[in-house]
Amino acid sequence: MKWFVMIFFLTYNQDGTRDTFVFTNPTFDDRATCMATLNNRDEIAKYVIGLVDAYKGITPGPIEVVNCINQEQFDELERLRRKEEGKIDT
């Protein structure tokens, strides 16, 4: 099963949802490997650069939590996002 790094920002939207970001690259084969990158300075620098690029220099706010999620959790988040955008019915 694939694992992904997920960023939780300290900010919330008006509808109560939370600002988050999931790195789809790189992916990891297990949670332990994913989590190990969250304590590695070189990897942290890559994540910071990725966030700055993704948000064009202005993130939604300070980072509160960084964690790893598995493929099933990622798929559910994507399903909810598409539903919110009106791209699926259920």
Protein backbone atom coordinates (compact mmCIF):
# COMPACT_ATOMS: atom_id res chain seq x y z
CA MET A 1 0.00 0.00 0.00
CA LYS A 2 1.23 3.49 -0.83
CA TRP A 3 1.77 6.14 1.82
CA PHE A 4 1.71 9.93 1.36
CA VAL A 5 2.85 12.94 3.38
CA MET A 6 -0.07 15.16 4.45
CA ILE A 7 0.23 18.71 5.75
CA PHE A 8 -2.41 20.20 8.06
CA PHE A 9 -2.39 23.97 8.24
CA LEU A 10 -3.51 25.91 11.28
CA THR A 11 -6.13 27.70 9.15
CA TYR A 12 -9.75 26.83 8.52
CA ASN A 13 -12.10 27.83 5.73
CA GLN A 14 -15.39 29.64 6.33
CA ASP A 15 -17.29 26.35 5.98
CA GLY A 16 -15.22 24.81 8.78
CA THR A 17 -13.02 22.65 6.57
CA ARG A 18 -9.33 22.67 7.20
CA ASP A 19 -6.59 23.67 4.81
CA THR A 20 -4.51 20.61 3.94
CA PHE A 21 -2.01 19.52 1.33
CA VAL A 22 -1.02 16.00 0.27
CA PHE A 23 2.26 15.27 -1.45
CA THR A 24 1.59 12.67 -4.14
CA ASN A 25 5.27 12.49 -4.93
CA PRO A 26 7.16 10.86 -3.40
CA THR A 27 5.12 7.89 -2.21
CA PHE A 28 6.30 5.31 0.29
CA ASP A 29 5.79 1.57 0.69
CA ASP A 30 5.13 1.75 4.43
CA ARG A 31 4.27 4.23 7.16
CA ALA A 32 7.61 3.93 8.96
CA THR A 33 9.55 5.01 5.87
CA CYS A 34 7.14 7.87 5.25
CA MET A 35 7.37 9.04 8.86
CA ALA A 36 11.18 8.84 8.81
CA THR A 37 11.27 11.52 6.09
CA LEU A 38 9.41 13.89 8.39
CA ASN A 39 12.43 14.00 10.71
CA ASN A 40 15.10 14.25 8.03
CA ARG A 41 16.32 17.82 7.41
CA ASP A 42 17.06 17.21 3.72
CA GLU A 43 13.60 15.76 3.13
CA ILE A 44 11.93 18.53 5.14
CA ALA A 45 13.64 21.08 2.89
CA LYS A 46 12.19 19.31 -0.17
CA TYR A 47 8.70 19.43 1.35
CA VAL A 48 9.06 23.14 2.12
CA ILE A 49 10.16 23.85 -1.45
CA GLY A 50 7.22 21.79 -2.72
CA LEU A 51 4.76 23.79 -0.63
CA VAL A 52 6.23 27.11 -1.71
CA ASP A 53 5.96 26.02 -5.34
CA ALA A 54 2.42 24.66 -4.97
CA TYR A 55 1.15 27.81 -3.26
CA LYS A 56 3.26 30.22 -5.35
CA GLY A 57 5.04 31.50 -2.27
CA ILE A 58 2.03 32.10 0.00
CA THR A 59 0.81 29.13 2.04
CA PRO A 60 -2.67 29.20 3.63
CA GLY A 61 -1.08 29.68 7.04
CA PRO A 62 1.33 28.12 9.49
CA ILE A 63 1.72 24.35 9.52
CA GLU A 64 0.16 22.70 12.54
CA VAL A 65 0.72 18.98 11.91
CA VAL A 66 2.51 16.81 9.37
CA ASN A 67 1.61 13.12 9.14
CA CYS A 68 1.46 10.19 6.75
CA ILE A 69 -1.74 8.77 5.27
CA ASN A 70 -2.29 5.55 3.36
CA GLN A 71 -3.76 5.03 -0.11
CA GLU A 72 -7.26 4.31 1.24
CA GLN A 73 -7.31 7.55 3.23
CA PHE A 74 -5.95 9.46 0.23
CA ASP A 75 -8.63 7.98 -2.05
CA GLU A 76 -11.35 8.97 0.41
CA LEU A 77 -10.03 12.53 0.59
CA GLU A 78 -9.99 12.70 -3.20
CA ARG A 79 -13.54 11.36 -3.36
CA LEU A 80 -14.71 14.00 -0.89
CA ARG A 81 -12.86 16.75 -2.77
CA ARG A 82 -14.43 15.75 -6.08
CA LYS A 83 -17.85 15.58 -4.44
CA GLU A 84 -17.36 19.07 -2.99
CA GLU A 85 -16.40 20.33 -6.44
CA GLY A 86 -19.52 18.76 -7.91
CA LYS A 87 -17.64 16.27 -10.04
CA ILE A 88 -19.36 13.17 -8.61
CA ASP A 89 -22.82 12.45 -7.31
CA THR A 90 -22.12 10.32 -4.22
